[in-house]
Amino acid sequence: MKKVFFLLIVLFIASCKKDNTPPVLTLKAGVGYTSGDVTVSPGDAFIVRMVMNKGADDLSEFYTEVAFDGSNLPRLVSRVYIGPNDRIHFERDVTVHTRNQAGNERWVFNVNDADGRISTVEIRVSVQ
């Protein structure tokens, strides 16, 4: 009887394990959208379509960062707090404007959920 009781307790604790599924962030491919690494001319612009879906918790914010020429410290470009009507599914077009000089740019797109989990997608841009 003690073994059965112990087994039930173990099963109960195991079933209470928190879901740690992060939000899902994808780039939409298709006409008019850039969804992967690209080579452009100085000062060019292109559009990236972000599609975000909640994981274990509601979406809370979306932000864009950029790092130049191999830097590991991207700087914040924009931040959007996701409203209550969009916390399960959110889409956003981001227009990326490259610098007016040759070099490498790493554009980082992030989505956070209400529990702090982050999903990230990057596009590397070669400006020539």
N, C-alpha and C. Protein backbone atom coordinates (compact mmCIF):
# COMPACT_ATOMS: atom_id res chain seq x y z
N MET A 1 0.82 -1.19 0.00
CA MET A 1 0.00 0.00 0.00
C MET A 1 0.86 1.25 0.00
N LYS A 2 1.98 1.23 0.76
CA LYS A 2 2.87 2.38 0.80
C LYS A 2 3.49 2.64 -0.57
N LYS A 3 3.81 1.54 -1.28
CA LYS A 3 4.40 1.70 -2.61
C LYS A 3 3.41 2.35 -3.57
N VAL A 4 2.17 1.96 -3.52
CA VAL A 4 1.14 2.53 -4.39
C VAL A 4 0.96 4.00 -4.06
N PHE A 5 0.91 4.36 -2.79
CA PHE A 5 0.75 5.74 -2.37
C PHE A 5 1.95 6.57 -2.84
N PHE A 6 3.15 6.04 -2.67
CA PHE A 6 4.37 6.73 -3.11
C PHE A 6 4.35 6.92 -4.63
N LEU A 7 3.95 5.91 -5.36
CA LEU A 7 3.88 5.99 -6.81
C LEU A 7 2.87 7.06 -7.24
N LEU A 8 1.74 7.15 -6.57
CA LEU A 8 0.74 8.17 -6.89
C LEU A 8 1.28 9.58 -6.64
N ILE A 9 2.02 9.75 -5.58
CA ILE A 9 2.62 11.05 -5.28
C ILE A 9 3.64 11.43 -6.35
N VAL A 10 4.47 10.48 -6.76
CA VAL A 10 5.47 10.75 -7.79
C VAL A 10 4.78 11.12 -9.11
N LEU A 11 3.75 10.40 -9.48
CA LEU A 11 3.02 10.70 -10.70
C LEU A 11 2.35 12.07 -10.64
N PHE A 12 1.81 12.42 -9.49
CA PHE A 12 1.19 13.73 -9.32
C PHE A 12 2.21 14.85 -9.48
N ILE A 13 3.36 14.71 -8.85
CA ILE A 13 4.40 15.73 -8.94
C ILE A 13 4.90 15.85 -10.37
N ALA A 14 5.09 14.73 -11.04
CA ALA A 14 5.55 14.75 -12.42
C ALA A 14 4.53 15.43 -13.34
N SER A 15 3.26 15.25 -13.06
CA SER A 15 2.23 15.85 -13.91
C SER A 15 2.10 17.36 -13.68
N CYS A 16 2.66 17.87 -12.58
CA CYS A 16 2.60 19.29 -12.28
C CYS A 16 3.76 20.07 -12.89
N LYS A 17 4.60 19.41 -13.64
CA LYS A 17 5.75 20.05 -14.25
C LYS A 17 5.29 21.19 -15.15
N LYS A 18 5.94 22.34 -15.03
CA LYS A 18 5.56 23.53 -15.79
C LYS A 18 5.95 23.38 -17.25
N ASP A 19 5.07 23.82 -18.12
CA ASP A 19 5.33 23.85 -19.55
C ASP A 19 6.29 25.00 -19.84
N ASN A 20 7.44 24.72 -20.41
CA ASN A 20 8.43 25.75 -20.70
C ASN A 20 8.56 26.04 -22.19
N THR A 21 7.50 25.80 -22.95
CA THR A 21 7.54 26.03 -24.37
C THR A 21 7.68 27.52 -24.66
N PRO A 22 8.75 27.92 -25.38
CA PRO A 22 8.91 29.35 -25.70
C PRO A 22 7.95 29.77 -26.80
N PRO A 23 7.81 31.08 -26.99
CA PRO A 23 6.98 31.54 -28.10
C PRO A 23 7.62 31.14 -29.43
N VAL A 24 6.83 31.12 -30.47
CA VAL A 24 7.32 30.75 -31.80
C VAL A 24 7.41 32.02 -32.64
N LEU A 25 8.58 32.24 -33.25
CA LEU A 25 8.82 33.40 -34.10
C LEU A 25 9.33 32.89 -35.44
N THR A 26 8.61 33.22 -36.51
CA THR A 26 9.04 32.83 -37.85
C THR A 26 9.01 34.04 -38.77
N LEU A 27 9.77 33.94 -39.85
CA LEU A 27 9.79 34.98 -40.85
C LEU A 27 8.95 34.51 -42.03
N LYS A 28 8.06 35.37 -42.48
CA LYS A 28 7.20 35.01 -43.61
C LYS A 28 7.99 35.17 -44.91
N ALA A 29 7.96 34.14 -45.73
CA ALA A 29 8.60 34.20 -47.04
C ALA A 29 7.56 34.58 -48.08
N GLY A 30 8.01 35.10 -49.17
CA GLY A 30 7.09 35.42 -50.25
C GLY A 30 7.44 36.74 -50.92
N VAL A 31 6.69 37.06 -51.94
CA VAL A 31 6.92 38.28 -52.71
C VAL A 31 6.83 39.50 -51.79
N GLY A 32 7.87 40.32 -51.84
CA GLY A 32 7.88 41.55 -51.06
C GLY A 32 8.50 41.41 -49.68
N TYR A 33 8.81 40.17 -49.26
CA TYR A 33 9.39 39.95 -47.93
C TYR A 33 10.76 39.31 -48.03
N THR A 34 11.66 39.73 -47.15
CA THR A 34 12.97 39.10 -47.02
C THR A 34 12.89 38.18 -45.82
N SER A 35 13.30 36.92 -46.01
CA SER A 35 13.19 35.95 -44.91
C SER A 35 14.50 35.22 -44.64
N GLY A 36 15.60 35.72 -45.19
CA GLY A 36 16.89 35.09 -44.96
C GLY A 36 18.00 36.08 -45.21
N ASP A 37 19.23 35.60 -45.08
CA ASP A 37 20.38 36.47 -45.28
C ASP A 37 20.35 37.07 -46.68
N VAL A 38 20.88 38.30 -46.80
CA VAL A 38 20.73 39.04 -48.05
C VAL A 38 21.95 39.95 -48.27
N THR A 39 22.22 40.24 -49.54
CA THR A 39 23.24 41.21 -49.92
C THR A 39 22.53 42.38 -50.59
N VAL A 40 22.81 43.60 -50.12
CA VAL A 40 22.14 44.79 -50.64
C VAL A 40 23.16 45.91 -50.85
N SER A 41 22.70 46.99 -51.45
CA SER A 41 23.53 48.18 -51.65
C SER A 41 23.41 49.09 -50.43
N PRO A 42 24.40 49.97 -50.21
CA PRO A 42 24.32 50.90 -49.09
C PRO A 42 23.03 51.73 -49.14
N GLY A 43 22.39 51.89 -48.00
CA GLY A 43 21.18 52.70 -47.89
C GLY A 43 19.92 52.02 -48.38
N ASP A 44 19.99 50.74 -48.72
CA ASP A 44 18.79 50.01 -49.16
C ASP A 44 17.85 49.73 -47.99
N ALA A 45 16.64 49.39 -48.34
CA ALA A 45 15.64 49.00 -47.34
C ALA A 45 14.92 47.76 -47.85
N PHE A 46 14.48 46.93 -46.92
CA PHE A 46 13.68 45.77 -47.26
C PHE A 46 12.73 45.48 -46.11
N ILE A 47 11.70 44.66 -46.38
CA ILE A 47 10.67 44.39 -45.39
C ILE A 47 10.77 42.94 -44.91
N VAL A 48 10.68 42.78 -43.60
CA VAL A 48 10.67 41.47 -42.97
C VAL A 48 9.32 41.33 -42.25
N ARG A 49 8.62 40.25 -42.51
CA ARG A 49 7.31 40.00 -41.86
C ARG A 49 7.51 38.99 -40.75
N MET A 50 7.24 39.41 -39.50
CA MET A 50 7.35 38.55 -38.33
C MET A 50 6.00 37.92 -38.03
N VAL A 51 5.99 36.63 -37.78
CA VAL A 51 4.78 35.93 -37.36
C VAL A 51 5.10 35.28 -36.02
N MET A 52 4.34 35.65 -34.99
CA MET A 52 4.61 35.18 -33.62
C MET A 52 3.39 34.47 -33.06
N ASN A 53 3.64 33.35 -32.39
CA ASN A 53 2.58 32.59 -31.72
C ASN A 53 3.02 32.24 -30.32
N LYS A 54 2.07 32.27 -29.40
CA LYS A 54 2.40 31.97 -28.00
C LYS A 54 2.85 30.52 -27.85
N GLY A 55 3.68 30.30 -26.87
CA GLY A 55 4.07 28.96 -26.46
C GLY A 55 3.28 28.63 -25.20
N ALA A 56 3.99 28.48 -24.08
CA ALA A 56 3.32 28.17 -22.82
C ALA A 56 2.57 29.37 -22.26
N ASP A 57 3.09 30.58 -22.50
CA ASP A 57 2.48 31.79 -21.95
C ASP A 57 2.21 32.81 -23.05
N ASP A 58 1.38 33.78 -22.73
CA ASP A 58 1.02 34.82 -23.68
C ASP A 58 2.24 35.62 -24.14
N LEU A 59 2.16 36.12 -25.37
CA LEU A 59 3.18 37.02 -25.90
C LEU A 59 3.13 38.33 -25.13
N SER A 60 4.29 38.97 -24.92
CA SER A 60 4.29 40.23 -24.18
C SER A 60 4.97 41.37 -24.93
N GLU A 61 6.08 41.09 -25.62
CA GLU A 61 6.74 42.17 -26.35
C GLU A 61 7.55 41.62 -27.52
N PHE A 62 7.74 42.50 -28.50
CA PHE A 62 8.52 42.19 -29.68
C PHE A 62 9.53 43.32 -29.84
N TYR A 63 10.80 42.97 -30.08
CA TYR A 63 11.78 44.03 -30.28
C TYR A 63 12.81 43.63 -31.32
N THR A 64 13.38 44.69 -31.93
CA THR A 64 14.36 44.54 -33.00
C THR A 64 15.66 45.16 -32.54
N GLU A 65 16.77 44.47 -32.85
CA GLU A 65 18.10 44.96 -32.53
C GLU A 65 18.98 44.85 -33.77
N VAL A 66 20.07 45.61 -33.79
CA VAL A 66 21.02 45.51 -34.89
C VAL A 66 22.44 45.60 -34.32
N ALA A 67 23.34 44.82 -34.92
CA ALA A 67 24.76 44.88 -34.59
C ALA A 67 25.52 45.06 -35.90
N PHE A 68 26.56 45.87 -35.86
CA PHE A 68 27.32 46.18 -37.06
C PHE A 68 28.72 45.58 -37.02
N ASP A 69 29.16 45.08 -38.17
CA ASP A 69 30.53 44.65 -38.42
C ASP A 69 31.09 43.72 -37.35
N GLY A 70 30.35 42.68 -37.02
CA GLY A 70 30.83 41.64 -36.11
C GLY A 70 30.65 41.92 -34.63
N SER A 71 30.05 43.02 -34.27
CA SER A 71 29.83 43.33 -32.85
C SER A 71 28.89 42.29 -32.22
N ASN A 72 29.20 41.92 -31.00
CA ASN A 72 28.33 41.00 -30.25
C ASN A 72 27.37 41.74 -29.34
N LEU A 73 27.34 43.06 -29.42
CA LEU A 73 26.47 43.88 -28.58
C LEU A 73 25.47 44.62 -29.46
N PRO A 74 24.36 43.96 -29.82
CA PRO A 74 23.38 44.67 -30.65
C PRO A 74 22.73 45.81 -29.89
N ARG A 75 22.34 46.83 -30.65
CA ARG A 75 21.63 47.97 -30.03
C ARG A 75 20.16 47.89 -30.38
N LEU A 76 19.33 48.37 -29.48
CA LEU A 76 17.89 48.34 -29.65
C LEU A 76 17.48 49.31 -30.75
N VAL A 77 16.65 48.83 -31.68
CA VAL A 77 16.11 49.66 -32.76
C VAL A 77 14.67 50.03 -32.46
N SER A 78 13.87 49.04 -32.04
CA SER A 78 12.47 49.31 -31.72
C SER A 78 11.94 48.26 -30.75
N ARG A 79 10.92 48.65 -30.01
CA ARG A 79 10.26 47.75 -29.05
C ARG A 79 8.76 47.99 -29.15
N VAL A 80 8.01 46.88 -29.21
CA VAL A 80 6.56 46.95 -29.28
C VAL A 80 6.00 46.08 -28.17
N TYR A 81 5.18 46.67 -27.30
CA TYR A 81 4.49 45.90 -26.28
C TYR A 81 3.21 45.36 -26.89
N ILE A 82 3.01 44.08 -26.79
CA ILE A 82 1.89 43.41 -27.44
C ILE A 82 0.64 43.57 -26.58
N GLY A 83 -0.41 44.09 -27.18
CA GLY A 83 -1.66 44.36 -26.48
C GLY A 83 -2.44 43.10 -26.16
N PRO A 84 -3.45 43.22 -25.31
CA PRO A 84 -4.22 42.05 -24.85
C PRO A 84 -4.94 41.29 -25.96
N ASN A 85 -5.26 41.95 -27.06
CA ASN A 85 -5.96 41.26 -28.15
C ASN A 85 -5.03 40.46 -29.05
N ASP A 86 -3.71 40.63 -28.89
CA ASP A 86 -2.74 39.99 -29.78
C ASP A 86 -1.79 39.04 -29.04
N ARG A 87 -2.11 38.63 -27.85
CA ARG A 87 -1.17 37.87 -27.03
C ARG A 87 -1.06 36.39 -27.41
N ILE A 88 -1.95 35.92 -28.27
CA ILE A 88 -1.87 34.53 -28.74
C ILE A 88 -1.17 34.48 -30.10
N HIS A 89 -1.50 35.42 -30.98
CA HIS A 89 -0.92 35.49 -32.32
C HIS A 89 -0.70 36.96 -32.66
N PHE A 90 0.51 37.26 -33.18
CA PHE A 90 0.85 38.64 -33.51
C PHE A 90 1.70 38.65 -34.77
N GLU A 91 1.42 39.56 -35.67
CA GLU A 91 2.22 39.72 -36.88
C GLU A 91 2.63 41.17 -37.02
N ARG A 92 3.84 41.38 -37.56
CA ARG A 92 4.35 42.75 -37.69
C ARG A 92 5.31 42.81 -38.86
N ASP A 93 5.15 43.82 -39.71
CA ASP A 93 6.14 44.12 -40.74
C ASP A 93 7.19 45.05 -40.16
N VAL A 94 8.45 44.75 -40.43
CA VAL A 94 9.55 45.60 -40.00
C VAL A 94 10.31 46.01 -41.25
N THR A 95 10.44 47.31 -41.45
CA THR A 95 11.25 47.81 -42.56
C THR A 95 12.67 48.02 -42.06
N VAL A 96 13.60 47.30 -42.65
CA VAL A 96 15.01 47.38 -42.28
C VAL A 96 15.68 48.37 -43.23
N HIS A 97 16.31 49.39 -42.65
CA HIS A 97 17.07 50.37 -43.42
C HIS A 97 18.55 50.13 -43.13
N THR A 98 19.31 49.83 -44.17
CA THR A 98 20.74 49.58 -43.96
C THR A 98 21.51 50.89 -43.93
N ARG A 99 22.72 50.81 -43.42
CA ARG A 99 23.58 51.99 -43.37
C ARG A 99 23.99 52.43 -44.78
N ASN A 100 24.48 53.63 -44.88
CA ASN A 100 24.98 54.15 -46.16
C ASN A 100 26.46 53.86 -46.35
N GLN A 101 26.91 52.74 -45.83
CA GLN A 101 28.30 52.36 -45.98
C GLN A 101 28.39 50.84 -46.08
N ALA A 102 29.44 50.39 -46.72
CA ALA A 102 29.66 48.94 -46.86
C ALA A 102 29.98 48.35 -45.49
N GLY A 103 29.59 47.10 -45.30
CA GLY A 103 29.88 46.40 -44.06
C GLY A 103 28.88 45.29 -43.84
N ASN A 104 28.92 44.73 -42.65
CA ASN A 104 28.01 43.64 -42.29
C ASN A 104 27.07 44.10 -41.18
N GLU A 105 25.80 43.71 -41.31
CA GLU A 105 24.80 44.04 -40.31
C GLU A 105 24.09 42.76 -39.90
N ARG A 106 23.84 42.66 -38.61
CA ARG A 106 23.10 41.50 -38.08
C ARG A 106 21.83 42.04 -37.42
N TRP A 107 20.69 41.77 -38.07
CA TRP A 107 19.40 42.22 -37.55
C TRP A 107 18.80 41.09 -36.74
N VAL A 108 18.46 41.38 -35.49
CA VAL A 108 17.97 40.39 -34.54
C VAL A 108 16.53 40.74 -34.15
N PHE A 109 15.63 39.79 -34.35
CA PHE A 109 14.21 39.98 -34.03
C PHE A 109 13.87 39.04 -32.88
N ASN A 110 13.25 39.59 -31.83
CA ASN A 110 12.98 38.84 -30.61
C ASN A 110 11.53 38.98 -30.20
N VAL A 111 10.98 37.90 -29.63
CA VAL A 111 9.66 37.96 -29.01
C VAL A 111 9.78 37.35 -27.62
N ASN A 112 9.20 38.03 -26.63
CA ASN A 112 9.19 37.56 -25.25
C ASN A 112 7.78 37.13 -24.89
N ASP A 113 7.69 36.15 -23.98
CA ASP A 113 6.37 35.82 -23.44
C ASP A 113 6.25 36.37 -22.02
N ALA A 114 5.11 36.19 -21.43
CA ALA A 114 4.82 36.76 -20.10
C ALA A 114 5.70 36.18 -19.00
N ASP A 115 6.32 35.01 -19.25
CA ASP A 115 7.19 34.39 -18.25
C ASP A 115 8.67 34.66 -18.53
N GLY A 116 8.97 35.49 -19.54
CA GLY A 116 10.35 35.88 -19.82
C GLY A 116 11.07 35.01 -20.83
N ARG A 117 10.41 34.01 -21.38
CA ARG A 117 11.06 33.19 -22.40
C ARG A 117 11.17 34.00 -23.69
N ILE A 118 12.29 33.83 -24.41
CA ILE A 118 12.57 34.61 -25.61
C ILE A 118 12.82 33.67 -26.78
N SER A 119 12.28 34.04 -27.93
CA SER A 119 12.64 33.38 -29.19
C SER A 119 13.24 34.44 -30.10
N THR A 120 14.27 34.04 -30.84
CA THR A 120 15.04 34.97 -31.64
C THR A 120 15.25 34.44 -33.06
N VAL A 121 15.20 35.35 -34.03
CA VAL A 121 15.54 35.03 -35.41
C VAL A 121 16.46 36.15 -35.89
N GLU A 122 17.49 35.77 -36.68
CA GLU A 122 18.43 36.76 -37.18
C GLU A 122 18.47 36.75 -38.70
N ILE A 123 18.76 37.92 -39.25
CA ILE A 123 19.06 38.05 -40.68
C ILE A 123 20.40 38.77 -40.77
N ARG A 124 21.29 38.17 -41.51
CA ARG A 124 22.61 38.79 -41.73
C ARG A 124 22.58 39.50 -43.08
N VAL A 125 23.02 40.76 -43.04
CA VAL A 125 22.97 41.60 -44.24
C VAL A 125 24.38 42.00 -44.60
N SER A 126 24.75 41.73 -45.84
CA SER A 126 26.03 42.19 -46.37
C SER A 126 25.74 43.42 -47.22
N VAL A 127 26.28 44.56 -46.81
CA VAL A 127 26.07 45.81 -47.53
C VAL A 127 27.31 46.04 -48.39
N GLN A 128 27.11 46.05 -49.72
CA GLN A 128 28.25 46.18 -50.65
C GLN A 128 27.99 47.29 -51.64
